[in-house]
C-alpha atoms as a PDB file:
ATOM      1  CA  MET A   1      45.546  82.136 103.768  1.00  0.00           C
ATOM      2  CA  ARG A   2      41.940  82.789 104.602  1.00  0.00           C
ATOM      3  CA  SER A   3      39.643  85.704 105.174  1.00  0.00           C
ATOM      4  CA  GLN A   4      39.170  86.753 108.802  1.00  0.00           C
ATOM      5  CA  GLY A   5      36.071  88.925 108.411  1.00  0.00           C
ATOM      6  CA  ALA A   6      33.522  88.363 111.193  1.00  0.00           C
ATOM      7  CA  ARG A   7      29.866  89.243 111.353  1.00  0.00           C
ATOM      8  CA  PRO A   8      28.798  91.792 113.999  1.00  0.00           C
ATOM      9  CA  GLY A   9      28.375  90.174 117.392  1.00  0.00           C
ATOM     10  CA  ARG A  10      30.544  87.173 116.550  1.00  0.00           C
ATOM     11  CA  SER A  11      34.168  86.718 117.544  1.00  0.00           C
ATOM     12  CA  ALA A  12      36.926  85.750 115.120  1.00  0.00           C
ATOM     13  CA  ARG A  13      37.082  82.353 116.850  1.00  0.00           C
ATOM     14  CA  ASP A  14      33.381  81.684 116.112  1.00  0.00           C
ATOM     15  CA  THR A  15      33.522  82.820 112.495  1.00  0.00           C
ATOM     16  CA  LYS A  16      33.849  80.219 109.794  1.00  0.00           C
ATOM     17  CA  ILE A  17      37.020  81.010 107.873  1.00  0.00           C
ATOM     18  CA  ARG A  18      36.585  80.850 104.140  1.00  0.00           C
ATOM     19  CA  PRO A  19      39.212  81.054 101.418  1.00  0.00           C
ATOM     20  CA  ARG A  20      39.608  84.396  99.683  1.00  0.00           C
ATOM     21  CA  ALA A  21      40.429  84.510  96.007  1.00  0.00           C
ATOM     22  CA  ARG A  22      43.894  85.791  95.336  1.00  0.00           C
ATOM     23  CA  LYS A  23      44.904  88.292  92.716  1.00  0.00           C
ATOM     24  CA  PRO A  24      47.957  87.508  90.604  1.00  0.00           C
ATOM     25  CA  ALA A  25      51.217  88.601  92.206  1.00  0.00           C
ATOM     26  CA  ALA A  26      52.576  91.880  90.880  1.00  0.00           C
ATOM     27  CA  GLN A  27      56.151  90.610  91.043  1.00  0.00           C
ATOM     28  CA  PRO A  28      57.927  87.859  89.073  1.00  0.00           C
ATOM     29  CA  GLY A  29      57.702  84.335  90.393  1.00  0.00           C
ATOM     30  CA  SER A  30      54.927  82.590  92.268  1.00  0.00           C
ATOM     31  CA  ILE A  31      54.783  80.461  95.391  1.00  0.00           C
ATOM     32  CA  PRO A  32      52.681  77.310  94.851  1.00  0.00           C
ATOM     33  CA  GLU A  33      50.200  76.233  97.507  1.00  0.00           C
ATOM     34  CA  ASP A  34      50.539  72.512  96.836  1.00  0.00           C
ATOM     35  CA  ARG A  35      54.245  72.202  97.669  1.00  0.00           C
ATOM     36  CA  ASN A  36      56.257  72.419 100.872  1.00  0.00           C
ATOM     37  CA  GLU A  37      59.444  73.618  99.197  1.00  0.00           C
ATOM     38  CA  VAL A  38      60.250  75.606  96.070  1.00  0.00           C
ATOM     39  CA  VAL A  39      63.167  77.359  94.401  1.00  0.00           C
ATOM     40  CA  LEU A  40      62.251  80.668  92.749  1.00  0.00           C
ATOM     41  CA  GLU A  41      64.243  82.352  89.998  1.00  0.00           C
ATOM     42  CA  ILE A  42      64.070  86.117  90.580  1.00  0.00           C
ATOM     43  CA  ALA A  43      66.161  88.465  88.438  1.00  0.00           C
ATOM     44  CA  GLY A  44      68.779  85.766  87.956  1.00  0.00           C
ATOM     45  CA  ARG A  45      68.898  84.812  91.635  1.00  0.00           C
ATOM     46  CA  ARG A  46      67.778  81.491  93.063  1.00  0.00           C
ATOM     47  CA  VAL A  47      65.814  81.684  96.323  1.00  0.00           C
ATOM     48  CA  LYS A  48      64.981  78.469  98.145  1.00  0.00           C
ATOM     49  CA  LEU A  49      61.784  78.677 100.211  1.00  0.00           C
ATOM     50  CA  THR A  50      61.126  75.921 102.741  1.00  0.00           C
ATOM     51  CA  ASN A  51      58.392  74.613 105.078  1.00  0.00           C
ATOM     52  CA  LEU A  52      55.719  76.435 103.089  1.00  0.00           C
ATOM     53  CA  ARG A  53      52.870  74.414 104.622  1.00  0.00           C
ATOM     54  CA  LYS A  54      53.985  75.000 108.188  1.00  0.00           C
ATOM     55  CA  PRO A  55      51.178  76.667 110.214  1.00  0.00           C
ATOM     56  CA  PHE A  56      52.201  80.143 111.376  1.00  0.00           C
ATOM     57  CA  TRP A  57      48.715  81.162 112.584  1.00  0.00           C
ATOM     58  CA  PRO A  58      47.006  77.750 112.997  1.00  0.00           C
ATOM     59  CA  GLU A  59      43.638  79.153 114.133  1.00  0.00           C
ATOM     60  CA  LEU A  60      43.441  81.354 111.028  1.00  0.00           C
ATOM     61  CA  GLY A  61      44.705  78.728 108.615  1.00  0.00           C
ATOM     62  CA  ILE A  62      47.692  80.930 107.691  1.00  0.00           C
ATOM     63  CA  THR A  63      50.917  79.141 106.780  1.00  0.00           C
ATOM     64  CA  LYS A  64      54.486  80.237 106.297  1.00  0.00           C
ATOM     65  CA  GLY A  65      53.781  80.069 102.566  1.00  0.00           C
ATOM     66  CA  ASP A  66      50.921  82.542 102.995  1.00  0.00           C
ATOM     67  CA  LEU A  67      53.269  84.919 104.822  1.00  0.00           C
ATOM     68  CA  LEU A  68      55.755  84.705 101.965  1.00  0.00           C
ATOM     69  CA  ARG A  69      52.982  85.258  99.415  1.00  0.00           C
ATOM     70  CA  TYR A  70      51.867  88.376 101.301  1.00  0.00           C
ATOM     71  CA  TYR A  71      55.366  89.882 101.184  1.00  0.00           C
ATOM     72  CA  LEU A  72      55.648  88.956  97.526  1.00  0.00           C
ATOM     73  CA  GLN A  73      52.444  90.886  96.793  1.00  0.00           C
ATOM     74  CA  ILE A  74      53.292  93.886  98.966  1.00  0.00           C
ATOM     75  CA  SER A  75      56.951  94.156  97.893  1.00  0.00           C
ATOM     76  CA  PRO A  76      56.530  96.973  95.331  1.00  0.00           C
ATOM     77  CA  VAL A  77      55.491  99.431  98.061  1.00  0.00           C
ATOM     78  CA  LEU A  78      57.518  97.882 100.892  1.00  0.00           C
ATOM     79  CA  LEU A  79      60.982  97.624  99.348  1.00  0.00           C
ATOM     80  CA  PRO A  80      61.593 101.390  98.880  1.00  0.00           C
ATOM     81  CA  HIS A  81      61.234 101.778 102.664  1.00  0.00           C
ATOM     82  CA  LEU A  82      63.912  99.128 103.351  1.00  0.00           C
ATOM     83  CA  ILE A  83      66.589  99.830 100.753  1.00  0.00           C
ATOM     84  CA  ASP A  84      70.008 100.857 102.111  1.00  0.00           C
ATOM     85  CA  ARG A  85      69.078 100.126 105.740  1.00  0.00           C
ATOM     86  CA  ALA A  86      70.530  97.430 107.986  1.00  0.00           C
ATOM     87  CA  MET A  87      67.948  94.821 108.959  1.00  0.00           C
ATOM     88  CA  VAL A  88      67.635  93.374 112.456  1.00  0.00           C
ATOM     89  CA  MET A  89      66.106  89.922 112.099  1.00  0.00           C
ATOM     90  CA  LYS A  90      63.438  88.828 114.579  1.00  0.00           C
ATOM     91  CA  ARG A  91      62.895  85.160 113.850  1.00  0.00           C
ATOM     92  CA  TYR A  92      59.811  83.077 114.683  1.00  0.00           C
ATOM     93  CA  PRO A  93      60.736  79.574 113.513  1.00  0.00           C
ATOM     94  CA  ASN A  94      57.543  78.073 114.945  1.00  0.00           C
ATOM     95  CA  GLY A  95      55.063  80.736 113.934  1.00  0.00           C
ATOM     96  CA  ALA A  96      53.446  83.772 115.519  1.00  0.00           C
ATOM     97  CA  ALA A  97      52.670  82.131 118.874  1.00  0.00           C
ATOM     98  CA  GLY A  98      56.050  80.427 119.182  1.00  0.00           C
ATOM     99  CA  GLU A  99      59.247  81.612 120.788  1.00  0.00           C
ATOM    100  CA  TYR A 100      61.375  84.096 118.868  1.00  0.00           C
ATOM    101  CA  PHE A 101      64.945  85.324 118.900  1.00  0.00           C
ATOM    102  CA  PHE A 102      66.793  88.345 117.540  1.00  0.00           C
ATOM    103  CA  GLN A 103      69.649  87.944 115.099  1.00  0.00           C
ATOM    104  CA  LYS A 104      71.757  90.856 113.906  1.00  0.00           C
ATOM    105  CA  ARG A 105      74.494  89.092 111.967  1.00  0.00           C
ATOM    106  CA  ALA A 106      73.555  87.756 108.557  1.00  0.00           C
ATOM    107  CA  PRO A 107      73.704  83.957 108.872  1.00  0.00           C
ATOM    108  CA  VAL A 108      76.507  81.966 107.290  1.00  0.00           C
ATOM    109  CA  PRO A 109      76.386  80.304 104.830  1.00  0.00           C
ATOM    110  CA  ARG A 110      74.215  82.664 102.804  1.00  0.00           C
ATOM    111  CA  PRO A 111      73.786  83.477  99.110  1.00  0.00           C
ATOM    112  CA  ASP A 112      76.661  85.547  97.745  1.00  0.00           C
ATOM    113  CA  TRP A 113      74.188  88.167  96.482  1.00  0.00           C
ATOM    114  CA  ILE A 114      73.036  89.166  99.985  1.00  0.00           C
ATOM    115  CA  GLU A 115      74.368  92.685 100.568  1.00  0.00           C
ATOM    116  CA  ILE A 116      75.878  93.536 103.946  1.00  0.00           C
ATOM    117  CA  CYS A 117      75.907  96.674 106.086  1.00  0.00           C
ATOM    118  CA  ARG A 118      78.890  96.608 108.454  1.00  0.00           C
ATOM    119  CA  ILE A 119      78.213  98.608 111.633  1.00  0.00           C
ATOM    120  CA  LYS A 120      80.724  99.168 114.411  1.00  0.00           C
ATOM    121  CA  HIS A 121      79.187  99.187 117.892  1.00  0.00           C
ATOM    122  CA  SER A 122      80.453 100.883 121.051  1.00  0.00           C
ATOM    123  CA  SER A 123      81.775  97.523 122.261  1.00  0.00           C
ATOM    124  CA  GLY A 124      84.155  97.533 119.296  1.00  0.00           C
ATOM    125  CA  ASN A 125      82.319  94.672 117.595  1.00  0.00           C
ATOM    126  CA  ILE A 126      81.600  95.013 113.915  1.00  0.00           C
ATOM    127  CA  ILE A 127      78.300  93.398 112.972  1.00  0.00           C
ATOM    128  CA  ASP A 128      77.382  92.403 109.426  1.00  0.00           C
ATOM    129  CA  PHE A 129      73.675  93.152 109.008  1.00  0.00           C
ATOM    130  CA  PRO A 130      71.825  92.079 105.871  1.00  0.00           C
ATOM    131  CA  ILE A 131      70.327  94.773 103.629  1.00  0.00           C
ATOM    132  CA  VAL A 132      66.960  94.065 102.001  1.00  0.00           C
ATOM    133  CA  ARG A 133      67.410  95.739  98.633  1.00  0.00           C
ATOM    134  CA  ASP A 134      65.304  93.563  96.323  1.00  0.00           C
ATOM    135  CA  LEU A 135      62.593  90.934  96.206  1.00  0.00           C
ATOM    136  CA  ALA A 136      64.987  87.981  96.319  1.00  0.00           C
ATOM    137  CA  THR A 137      66.575  89.232  99.546  1.00  0.00           C
ATOM    138  CA  LEU A 138      63.173  90.057 101.054  1.00  0.00           C
ATOM    139  CA  LEU A 139      61.902  86.518 100.516  1.00  0.00           C
ATOM    140  CA  TRP A 140      65.198  85.076 101.776  1.00  0.00           C
ATOM    141  CA  VAL A 141      64.804  87.023 105.053  1.00  0.00           C
ATOM    142  CA  ILE A 142      61.140  86.076 105.494  1.00  0.00           C
ATOM    143  CA  ASN A 143      62.014  82.429 104.850  1.00  0.00           C
ATOM    144  CA  LEU A 144      64.278  82.577 107.913  1.00  0.00           C
ATOM    145  CA  GLY A 145      61.099  82.985 109.971  1.00  0.00           C
ATOM    146  CA  CYS A 146      61.004  86.781 110.173  1.00  0.00           C
ATOM    147  CA  ILE A 147      57.345  87.755 110.505  1.00  0.00           C
ATOM    148  CA  ASP A 148      57.911  91.480 110.872  1.00  0.00           C
ATOM    149  CA  LEU A 149      60.797  93.573 109.567  1.00  0.00           C
ATOM    150  CA  ASN A 150      62.932  95.854 111.726  1.00  0.00           C
ATOM    151  CA  PRO A 151      65.165  98.198 109.672  1.00  0.00           C
ATOM    152  CA  TRP A 152      67.508 100.885 111.005  1.00  0.00           C
ATOM    153  CA  TYR A 153      66.417 104.526 110.944  1.00  0.00           C
ATOM    154  CA  ALA A 154      69.651 105.675 109.335  1.00  0.00           C
ATOM    155  CA  ARG A 155      70.912 104.460 105.971  1.00  0.00           C
ATOM    156  CA  CYS A 156      74.010 102.317 105.736  1.00  0.00           C
ATOM    157  CA  ASP A 157      76.279 104.977 104.233  1.00  0.00           C
ATOM    158  CA  ASP A 158      76.000 106.970 107.506  1.00  0.00           C
ATOM    159  CA  VAL A 159      74.401 105.002 110.334  1.00  0.00           C
ATOM    160  CA  ASN A 160      74.785 107.919 112.749  1.00  0.00           C
ATOM    161  CA  ARG A 161      72.573 110.380 110.832  1.00  0.00           C
ATOM    162  CA  PRO A 162      68.926 109.333 110.421  1.00  0.00           C
ATOM    163  CA  ASP A 163      66.586 110.777 107.813  1.00  0.00           C
ATOM    164  CA  TYR A 164      63.481 110.764 109.982  1.00  0.00           C
ATOM    165  CA  LEU A 165      62.483 111.035 113.622  1.00  0.00           C
ATOM    166  CA  HIS A 166      59.439 109.309 115.015  1.00  0.00           C
ATOM    167  CA  PHE A 167      57.168 108.806 117.989  1.00  0.00           C
ATOM    168  CA  ASP A 168      55.934 105.432 119.207  1.00  0.00           C
ATOM    169  CA  LEU A 169      52.502 105.861 120.831  1.00  0.00           C
ATOM    170  CA  ASP A 170      52.034 103.055 123.348  1.00  0.00           C
ATOM    171  CA  PRO A 171      48.969 102.851 125.634  1.00  0.00           C
ATOM    172  CA  VAL A 172      49.551 102.384 129.355  1.00  0.00           C
ATOM    173  CA  PRO A 173      46.818 100.107 130.787  1.00  0.00           C
ATOM    174  CA  PRO A 174      43.938 100.554 131.202  1.00  0.00           C
ATOM    175  CA  ALA A 175      44.152 103.002 128.263  1.00  0.00           C
ATOM    176  CA  GLY A 176      42.904 101.514 125.011  1.00  0.00           C
ATOM    177  CA  PHE A 177      43.332 102.219 121.331  1.00  0.00           C
ATOM    178  CA  GLY A 178      40.786 105.039 121.441  1.00  0.00           C
ATOM    179  CA  LYS A 179      43.138 107.034 123.626  1.00  0.00           C
ATOM    180  CA  VAL A 180      45.992 106.257 121.243  1.00  0.00           C
ATOM    181  CA  LEU A 181      43.953 107.833 118.434  1.00  0.00           C
ATOM    182  CA  GLU A 182      43.323 110.881 120.622  1.00  0.00           C
ATOM    183  CA  THR A 183      47.051 111.212 121.321  1.00  0.00           C
ATOM    184  CA  ALA A 184      47.917 110.802 117.642  1.00  0.00           C
ATOM    185  CA  LYS A 185      45.608 113.704 116.771  1.00  0.00           C
ATOM    186  CA  ILE A 186      47.222 115.890 119.445  1.00  0.00           C
ATOM    187  CA  LEU A 187      50.674 115.076 118.106  1.00  0.00           C
ATOM    188  CA  HIS A 188      49.564 115.686 114.516  1.00  0.00           C
ATOM    189  CA  ARG A 189      48.280 119.170 115.396  1.00  0.00           C
ATOM    190  CA  ALA A 190      51.514 119.978 117.236  1.00  0.00           C
ATOM    191  CA  LEU A 191      53.695 118.870 114.319  1.00  0.00           C
ATOM    192  CA  ASP A 192      51.556 120.764 111.812  1.00  0.00           C
ATOM    193  CA  ALA A 193      51.883 123.904 113.952  1.00  0.00           C
ATOM    194  CA  LEU A 194      55.661 123.558 113.657  1.00  0.00           C
ATOM    195  CA  ASP A 195      55.438 122.989 109.878  1.00  0.00           C
ATOM    196  CA  MET A 196      56.868 119.518 110.351  1.00  0.00           C
ATOM    197  CA  PRO A 197      55.514 117.072 107.737  1.00  0.00           C
ATOM    198  CA  ASN A 198      54.288 113.846 109.319  1.00  0.00           C
ATOM    199  CA  VAL A 199      52.795 110.481 108.407  1.00  0.00           C
ATOM    200  CA  VAL A 200      51.104 107.901 110.603  1.00  0.00           C
ATOM    201  CA  LYS A 201      50.611 104.145 110.723  1.00  0.00           C
ATOM    202  CA  THR A 202      49.238 101.547 113.065  1.00  0.00           C
ATOM    203  CA  THR A 203      51.816  99.412 114.810  1.00  0.00           C
ATOM    204  CA  GLY A 204      49.810  96.265 114.171  1.00  0.00           C
ATOM    205  CA  SER A 205      50.029  95.632 117.911  1.00  0.00           C
ATOM    206  CA  LYS A 206      48.591  98.168 120.405  1.00  0.00           C
ATOM    207  CA  GLY A 207      49.613 101.629 119.289  1.00  0.00           C
ATOM    208  CA  MET A 208      50.601 103.936 116.445  1.00  0.00           C
ATOM    209  CA  HIS A 209      53.789 105.322 114.915  1.00  0.00           C
ATOM    210  CA  VAL A 210      54.146 108.907 113.735  1.00  0.00           C
ATOM    211  CA  TYR A 211      57.157 109.672 111.524  1.00  0.00           C
ATOM    212  CA  VAL A 212      58.655 113.023 110.519  1.00  0.00           C
ATOM    213  CA  PRO A 213      60.938 113.058 107.438  1.00  0.00           C
ATOM    214  CA  ILE A 214      64.001 115.201 108.168  1.00  0.00           C
ATOM    215  CA  VAL A 215      66.982 116.517 106.244  1.00  0.00           C
ATOM    216  CA  ARG A 216      69.860 114.178 107.008  1.00  0.00           C
ATOM    217  CA  GLY A 217      72.579 115.946 108.960  1.00  0.00           C
ATOM    218  CA  PRO A 218      72.034 115.956 112.731  1.00  0.00           C
ATOM    219  CA  LEU A 219      73.455 113.027 114.673  1.00  0.00           C
ATOM    220  CA  GLN A 220      71.159 110.370 116.102  1.00  0.00           C
ATOM    221  CA  LYS A 221      71.648 111.737 119.621  1.00  0.00           C
ATOM    222  CA  GLN A 222      70.546 115.195 118.477  1.00  0.00           C
ATOM    223  CA  VAL A 223      67.457 113.759 116.786  1.00  0.00           C
ATOM    224  CA  TRP A 224      66.675 111.857 119.983  1.00  0.00           C
ATOM    225  CA  ALA A 225      67.032 115.063 122.023  1.00  0.00           C
ATOM    226  CA  VAL A 226      64.556 116.944 119.821  1.00  0.00           C
ATOM    227  CA  ALA A 227      62.039 114.098 120.056  1.00  0.00           C
ATOM    228  CA  LYS A 228      62.471 113.988 123.838  1.00  0.00           C
ATOM    229  CA  ARG A 229      61.851 117.706 124.235  1.00  0.00           C
ATOM    230  CA  MET A 230      58.698 117.507 122.112  1.00  0.00           C
ATOM    231  CA  ALA A 231      57.365 114.510 124.046  1.00  0.00           C
ATOM    232  CA  LYS A 232      58.019 116.239 127.381  1.00  0.00           C
ATOM    233  CA  SER A 233      56.260 119.385 126.142  1.00  0.00           C
ATOM    234  CA  LEU A 234      53.198 117.394 125.106  1.00  0.00           C
ATOM    235  CA  GLU A 235      53.177 115.695 128.492  1.00  0.00           C
ATOM    236  CA  GLN A 236      53.066 119.099 130.207  1.00  0.00           C
ATOM    237  CA  LEU A 237      50.281 120.361 127.934  1.00  0.00           C
ATOM    238  CA  HIS A 238      48.140 117.198 128.146  1.00  0.00           C
ATOM    239  CA  PRO A 239      48.961 115.522 131.484  1.00  0.00           C
ATOM    240  CA  GLU A 240      45.697 113.577 131.638  1.00  0.00           C
ATOM    241  CA  THR A 241      46.294 111.979 128.244  1.00  0.00           C
ATOM    242  CA  ILE A 242      50.030 111.813 127.596  1.00  0.00           C
ATOM    243  CA  THR A 243      53.087 110.608 129.472  1.00  0.00           C
ATOM    244  CA  ALA A 244      56.715 110.741 128.416  1.00  0.00           C
ATOM    245  CA  GLU A 245      57.915 108.743 131.437  1.00  0.00           C
ATOM    246  CA  TYR A 246      60.265 106.052 130.185  1.00  0.00           C
ATOM    247  CA  ARG A 247      60.495 104.137 133.474  1.00  0.00           C
ATOM    248  CA  ILE A 248      57.671 101.589 133.445  1.00  0.00           C
ATOM    249  CA  GLU A 249      57.120 101.615 137.196  1.00  0.00           C
ATOM    250  CA  LYS A 250      56.615 105.403 137.192  1.00  0.00           C
ATOM    251  CA  ARG A 251      54.258 105.727 134.236  1.00  0.00           C
ATOM    252  CA  PRO A 252      50.809 106.968 135.282  1.00  0.00           C
ATOM    253  CA  PRO A 253      48.080 104.485 134.348  1.00  0.00           C
ATOM    254  CA  GLY A 254      45.542 105.257 131.661  1.00  0.00           C
ATOM    255  CA  ARG A 255      47.857 107.516 129.663  1.00  0.00           C
ATOM    256  CA  VAL A 256      49.555 107.036 126.310  1.00  0.00           C
ATOM    257  CA  LEU A 257      53.333 106.927 126.292  1.00  0.00           C
ATOM    258  CA  VAL A 258      54.827 109.183 123.626  1.00  0.00           C
ATOM    259  CA  ASP A 259      57.996 107.147 123.401  1.00  0.00           C
ATOM    260  CA  TYR A 260      60.923 109.239 122.185  1.00  0.00           C
ATOM    261  CA  ASN A 261      63.558 106.718 123.293  1.00  0.00           C
ATOM    262  CA  GLN A 262      63.028 104.575 120.219  1.00  0.00           C
ATOM    263  CA  ASN A 263      65.027 107.295 118.420  1.00  0.00           C
ATOM    264  CA  ALA A 264      68.165 106.178 120.272  1.00  0.00           C
ATOM    265  CA  TRP A 265      71.070 104.741 118.288  1.00  0.00           C
ATOM    266  CA  GLY A 266      70.538 101.130 117.263  1.00  0.00           C
ATOM    267  CA  ARG A 267      66.845 100.948 118.199  1.00  0.00           C
ATOM    268  CA  THR A 268      64.339  99.725 115.621  1.00  0.00           C
ATOM    269  CA  LEU A 269      60.588  99.559 115.103  1.00  0.00           C
ATOM    270  CA  ALA A 270      58.535  97.268 112.898  1.00  0.00           C
ATOM    271  CA  SER A 271      58.529  98.706 109.400  1.00  0.00           C
ATOM    272  CA  VAL A 272      55.529  99.890 107.475  1.00  0.00           C
ATOM    273  CA  TYR A 273      53.581  96.955 105.940  1.00  0.00           C
ATOM    274  CA  SER A 274      55.094  94.492 108.418  1.00  0.00           C
ATOM    275  CA  VAL A 275      52.861  91.638 109.509  1.00  0.00           C
ATOM    276  CA  ARG A 276      52.861  91.384 113.301  1.00  0.00           C
ATOM    277  CA  PRO A 277      52.893  88.133 115.292  1.00  0.00           C
ATOM    278  CA  LYS A 278      49.463  88.835 116.774  1.00  0.00           C
ATOM    279  CA  PRO A 279      46.356  86.601 116.927  1.00  0.00           C
ATOM    280  CA  ARG A 280      44.613  88.342 113.981  1.00  0.00           C
ATOM    281  CA  ALA A 281      47.770  88.591 111.805  1.00  0.00           C
ATOM    282  CA  THR A 282      47.452  92.367 111.839  1.00  0.00           C
ATOM    283  CA  VAL A 283      49.701  94.610 109.754  1.00  0.00           C
ATOM    284  CA  SER A 284      51.555  97.826 110.569  1.00  0.00           C
ATOM    285  CA  ALA A 285      49.442  99.822 108.145  1.00  0.00           C
ATOM    286  CA  PRO A 286      49.889 103.358 106.823  1.00  0.00           C
ATOM    287  CA  VAL A 287      46.697 105.356 107.277  1.00  0.00           C
ATOM    288  CA  THR A 288      45.550 108.888 106.509  1.00  0.00           C
ATOM    289  CA  TRP A 289      44.937 111.523 109.136  1.00  0.00           C
ATOM    290  CA  ASP A 290      41.317 111.659 107.949  1.00  0.00           C
ATOM    291  CA  GLU A 291      40.986 107.968 108.805  1.00  0.00           C
ATOM    292  CA  VAL A 292      42.478 108.629 112.240  1.00  0.00           C
ATOM    293  CA  ALA A 293      39.967 111.428 112.802  1.00  0.00           C
ATOM    294  CA  LYS A 294      37.028 109.220 111.784  1.00  0.00           C
ATOM    295  CA  GLY A 295      38.262 106.283 113.854  1.00  0.00           C
ATOM    296  CA  ILE A 296      39.928 103.013 112.920  1.00  0.00           C
ATOM    297  CA  ARG A 297      40.575  99.684 114.608  1.00  0.00           C
ATOM    298  CA  MET A 298      43.820  97.745 114.689  1.00  0.00           C
ATOM    299  CA  GLU A 299      41.978  94.717 113.292  1.00  0.00           C
ATOM    300  CA  ASP A 300      40.939  96.652 110.187  1.00  0.00           C
ATOM    301  CA  PHE A 301      44.370  96.013 108.652  1.00  0.00           C
ATOM    302  CA  ARG A 302      45.419  92.408 108.258  1.00  0.00           C
ATOM    303  CA  ILE A 303      47.537  90.096 106.132  1.00  0.00           C
ATOM    304  CA  ASP A 304      44.462  89.024 104.130  1.00  0.00           C
ATOM    305  CA  ASN A 305      43.188  92.500 103.177  1.00  0.00           C
ATOM    306  CA  MET A 306      46.289  94.706 103.045  1.00  0.00           C
ATOM    307  CA  PRO A 307      47.304  93.931  99.423  1.00  0.00           C
ATOM    308  CA  GLU A 308      43.809  94.884  98.236  1.00  0.00           C
ATOM    309  CA  ARG A 309      43.954  98.151 100.210  1.00  0.00           C
ATOM    310  CA  VAL A 310      47.344  99.009  98.697  1.00  0.00           C
ATOM    311  CA  ALA A 311      46.015  98.245  95.220  1.00  0.00           C
ATOM    312  CA  ARG A 312      43.252 100.812  95.844  1.00  0.00           C
ATOM    313  CA  ARG A 313      45.130 103.468  97.804  1.00  0.00           C
ATOM    314  CA  GLY A 314      48.756 103.104  96.759  1.00  0.00           C
ATOM    315  CA  ASP A 315      51.606 103.739  99.186  1.00  0.00           C
ATOM    316  CA  LEU A 316      50.289 106.263 101.719  1.00  0.00           C
ATOM    317  CA  TRP A 317      53.817 106.543 103.110  1.00  0.00           C
ATOM    318  CA  LYS A 318      55.367 107.560  99.818  1.00  0.00           C
ATOM    319  CA  PRO A 319      55.930 111.143 101.145  1.00  0.00           C
ATOM    320  CA  LEU A 320      58.461 109.697 103.598  1.00  0.00           C
ATOM    321  CA  LEU A 321      60.649 108.716 100.641  1.00  0.00           C
ATOM    322  CA  SER A 322      60.637 112.089  98.908  1.00  0.00           C
ATOM    323  CA  PRO A 323      63.730 114.328  99.126  1.00  0.00           C
ATOM    324  CA  ARG A 324      61.318 117.277  99.187  1.00  0.00           C
ATOM    325  CA  LYS A 325      59.256 118.466 102.136  1.00  0.00           C
ATOM    326  CA  ARG A 326      61.748 117.277 104.718  1.00  0.00           C
ATOM    327  CA  PHE A 327      62.089 119.234 107.925  1.00  0.00           C
ATOM    328  CA  ASP A 328      65.511 120.689 108.677  1.00  0.00           C
ATOM    329  CA  LEU A 329      66.208 120.012 112.355  1.00  0.00           C
ATOM    330  CA  ARG A 330      69.315 122.172 112.197  1.00  0.00           C
ATOM    331  CA  SER A 331      67.107 125.244 112.541  1.00  0.00           C
ATOM    332  CA  VAL A 332      65.797 123.881 115.836  1.00  0.00           C
ATOM    333  CA  LEU A 333      69.260 122.909 117.045  1.00  0.00           C
ATOM    334  CA  THR A 334      70.659 126.343 116.119  1.00  0.00           C
ATOM    335  CA  GLU A 335      67.850 128.019 118.071  1.00  0.00           C
ATOM    336  CA  GLU A 336      68.564 125.805 121.083  1.00  0.00           C
ATOM    337  CA  LYS A 337      72.259 126.623 120.934  1.00  0.00           C
ATOM    338  CA  SER A 338      71.586 130.358 120.780  1.00  0.00           C
ATOM    339  CA  ARG A 339      69.439 130.074 123.909  1.00  0.00           C
ATOM    340  CA  GLY A 340      72.292 128.347 125.705  1.00  0.00           C
END
């Protein structure tokens, strides 16, 4: 994997890519650069990693092995955000620019230590999703060609009751990322006014995600309804900036969609610290609200610099994991019920 830093006035394509020195992995095991296949022993589990030299971002010199090494390095802060949640696999067998496919069922055969979350769908089908609970399982999933990770919002012991709600901020052309930042600040002020704790991250693609940790209790449909009402309210207050229109053909151009529908049952978003299959190998990166206020770029957070940032800043999304400072939506739902 190689550094992507470019000098001012030069594009990434024109910049000579030079190797960046790696720091030792913080987790047991290492993935050699001079082999195409390796079996790692991690906490008594054997994980076979294959096609390590396969180019996943050819123009950047990033291989499948580099992707695995990134997740190995970032795993201490990533894993707590995945534990106990079903994982929807989005597989890119031929790299970031290749075709992909979704897979919900854990493939068979698979190691007997892969834990399963069995979820019954409205069709009556019961789907066995894998759960990424430890480093061995994380590397096993990434080795299947999963570039980004898409966990459920609710934990496996009750898949109908999420422990956070969120907003996906998606620019409607010709709106750019600057307008996304403006919308994020509006949303942040609104949530703060309601005493709702909130954290923010880039999507690694075009927009931003804002998450609110909540006390688990309300059903997914109730959480979705609260998010919808908030998005619609923001649309009314800021019609020149924000839209909550879910139908693509009716969205006004140049606005930012505050997408509440991603809170619907069974929907997923790329997790925090996920690498995205984009030309610069950008990462869905947790950021501070001060950084949002000062201005950031999507390209500031990439596979080659994210581990160093985490080493300096720690897990900026750690508050999302805390049982404290979670907003109780039941107070909002009780107020709605009393109003009829």
